[in-house]
């Protein structure tokens, strides 16, 4: 009887953890998850595979590229988001879309509100590249100062 009870307990714990992973919403406390990423060859997006962000002496992201200055800093759309920013998120995205997610979360009205409160919104961001592009399309960075 002890074996059957232990087995059922293990199966239920496994099922619960599998269900929790399917939600795709990692809490801030889950530091074992990888926080940053490499570009996806398809869209230049980032998934969570790499923890280290390397910058060169000019402050460019590891992938280089042009930076756009706004809100007191340069934004590199093809570089990884700031580790400090990611560690403060309650729900971490599957795709950071370079530094785009960070910019949207910090500066685009309703994005942070929707991300923090709406699981359907988070699921769409995590699963739908067109949804991500539509949100970022609201950012008019063409007139920002470049480096």
Protein backbone atom coordinates (compact mmCIF):
# COMPACT_ATOMS: atom_id res chain seq x y z
CA UNK A 1 0.00 0.00 0.00
CA UNK A 2 2.87 2.36 0.77
CA UNK A 3 4.31 1.72 -2.70
CA UNK A 4 1.00 2.49 -4.42
CA UNK A 5 0.55 5.70 -2.42
CA UNK A 6 4.12 6.80 -3.14
CA UNK A 7 3.70 6.00 -6.82
CA UNK A 8 0.47 7.99 -7.05
CA UNK A 9 2.12 10.90 -5.28
CA UNK A 10 5.04 10.88 -7.72
CA UNK A 11 2.73 10.69 -10.73
CA UNK A 12 0.59 13.57 -9.48
CA UNK A 13 3.70 15.71 -8.79
CA UNK A 14 5.00 14.98 -12.28
CA UNK A 15 1.64 15.88 -13.83
CA UNK A 16 1.45 19.11 -11.83
CA UNK A 17 4.97 20.16 -12.84
CA UNK A 18 4.25 19.34 -16.49
CA UNK A 19 1.09 21.44 -16.40
CA UNK A 20 2.96 24.34 -14.78
CA UNK A 21 5.63 24.23 -17.50
CA UNK A 22 2.99 24.34 -20.23
CA UNK A 23 1.74 27.65 -18.93
CA UNK A 24 5.03 29.20 -20.00
CA UNK A 25 4.96 31.74 -17.18
CA UNK A 26 8.16 31.50 -15.17
CA UNK A 27 8.29 33.38 -11.91
CA UNK A 28 11.18 35.57 -10.79
CA UNK A 29 12.24 32.88 -8.34
CA UNK A 30 13.01 30.34 -11.06
CA UNK A 31 16.64 31.27 -11.41
CA UNK A 32 17.56 27.88 -12.83
CA UNK A 33 15.91 28.79 -16.13
CA UNK A 34 18.09 30.33 -18.78
CA UNK A 35 17.30 34.00 -19.11
CA UNK A 36 18.78 35.19 -22.35
CA UNK A 37 19.20 33.83 -25.78
CA UNK A 38 20.66 33.39 -29.20
CA UNK A 39 18.92 34.75 -32.27
CA UNK A 40 16.40 32.56 -33.98
CA UNK A 41 17.49 32.27 -37.61
CA UNK A 42 13.96 32.90 -38.79
CA UNK A 43 13.07 36.22 -37.17
CA UNK A 44 16.20 37.35 -35.32
CA UNK A 45 14.25 36.73 -32.12
CA UNK A 46 15.66 35.51 -28.85
CA UNK A 47 14.62 32.49 -26.89
CA UNK A 48 16.00 31.59 -23.49
CA UNK A 49 19.25 29.70 -24.10
CA UNK A 50 22.12 31.87 -22.91
CA UNK A 51 22.67 33.72 -19.65
CA UNK A 52 25.67 35.90 -20.41
CA UNK A 53 25.35 39.26 -22.19
CA UNK A 54 28.66 40.47 -23.55
CA UNK A 55 29.20 44.04 -24.69
CA UNK A 56 32.18 45.53 -26.45
CA UNK A 57 33.95 48.69 -25.34
CA UNK A 58 31.55 50.95 -27.25
CA UNK A 59 28.57 49.45 -25.41
CA UNK A 60 27.32 47.55 -28.41
CA UNK A 61 25.70 44.21 -27.90
CA UNK A 62 27.57 41.08 -28.77
CA UNK A 63 25.95 40.99 -32.19
CA UNK A 64 27.02 44.57 -32.88
CA UNK A 65 24.68 46.59 -35.04
CA UNK A 66 23.34 50.08 -34.73
CA UNK A 67 22.03 51.45 -31.52
CA UNK A 68 19.12 53.86 -31.26
CA UNK A 69 19.22 56.40 -28.43
CA UNK A 70 16.00 57.00 -26.47
CA UNK A 71 15.03 57.32 -22.82
CA UNK A 72 18.61 57.85 -21.71
CA UNK A 73 20.25 54.84 -23.37
CA UNK A 74 21.04 53.09 -26.63
CA UNK A 75 18.73 50.28 -27.71
CA UNK A 76 20.17 47.46 -29.81
CA UNK A 77 17.26 45.57 -31.31
CA UNK A 78 19.42 42.55 -32.15
CA UNK A 79 21.09 42.28 -28.72
CA UNK A 80 19.93 40.59 -25.59
CA UNK A 81 17.91 42.39 -22.92
CA UNK A 82 19.51 43.50 -19.67
CA UNK A 83 19.95 40.74 -17.10
CA UNK A 84 18.75 43.02 -14.28
CA UNK A 85 15.56 43.76 -16.21
CA UNK A 86 14.87 40.08 -16.91
CA UNK A 87 15.48 39.09 -13.29
CA UNK A 88 12.85 41.57 -12.13
CA UNK A 89 10.09 40.21 -14.35
CA UNK A 90 7.32 38.27 -12.70
CA UNK A 91 6.66 36.38 -15.94
CA UNK A 92 9.55 35.79 -18.32
CA UNK A 93 8.82 35.56 -22.03
CA UNK A 94 9.85 32.68 -24.23
CA UNK A 95 11.06 35.19 -26.83
CA UNK A 96 12.64 38.50 -25.85
CA UNK A 97 12.81 39.62 -29.49
CA UNK A 98 16.18 41.21 -28.82
CA UNK A 99 15.81 44.27 -26.61
CA UNK A 100 12.37 44.91 -28.09
CA UNK A 101 10.49 43.19 -25.27
CA UNK A 102 12.37 45.26 -22.70
CA UNK A 103 11.60 48.51 -24.51
CA UNK A 104 7.93 47.64 -24.96
CA UNK A 105 7.57 46.63 -21.32
CA UNK A 106 9.20 49.80 -20.03
CA UNK A 107 7.86 52.45 -22.41
CA UNK A 108 4.83 51.40 -24.48
CA UNK A 109 1.49 52.13 -22.82
CA UNK A 110 -0.60 49.06 -21.98
CA UNK A 111 2.14 46.55 -22.80
CA UNK A 112 3.36 46.16 -19.20
CA UNK A 113 -0.21 46.12 -17.89
CA UNK A 114 -1.23 43.42 -20.37
CA UNK A 115 1.93 41.36 -19.79
CA UNK A 116 1.59 41.40 -16.01
CA UNK A 117 -2.14 40.67 -15.89
CA UNK A 118 -3.25 38.75 -18.98
CA UNK A 119 -2.18 35.15 -19.54
CA UNK A 120 -3.71 35.16 -23.05
CA UNK A 121 -1.54 38.17 -23.93
CA UNK A 122 1.57 36.38 -22.66
CA UNK A 123 0.70 33.23 -24.59
CA UNK A 124 0.22 35.22 -27.80
CA UNK A 125 3.57 36.97 -27.34
CA UNK A 126 5.29 33.62 -26.70
CA UNK A 127 3.68 31.80 -29.64
CA UNK A 128 2.95 34.36 -32.36
CA UNK A 129 5.77 36.18 -34.19
CA UNK A 130 3.28 38.39 -36.04
CA UNK A 131 1.85 39.50 -32.68
CA UNK A 132 5.35 40.46 -31.52
CA UNK A 133 6.07 42.35 -34.74
CA UNK A 134 2.74 44.21 -34.49
CA UNK A 135 3.51 45.42 -30.98
CA UNK A 136 7.01 46.52 -31.91
CA UNK A 137 5.64 48.21 -35.02
CA UNK A 138 4.15 50.82 -32.69
CA UNK A 139 7.64 52.07 -31.82
CA UNK A 140 8.79 54.83 -34.16
CA UNK A 141 12.55 54.71 -33.67
CA UNK A 142 13.52 55.98 -37.13
CA UNK A 143 14.14 59.54 -35.83
CA UNK A 144 16.09 58.51 -32.76
CA UNK A 145 19.79 59.35 -32.60
CA UNK A 146 22.00 56.50 -33.87
CA UNK A 147 25.51 55.52 -32.93
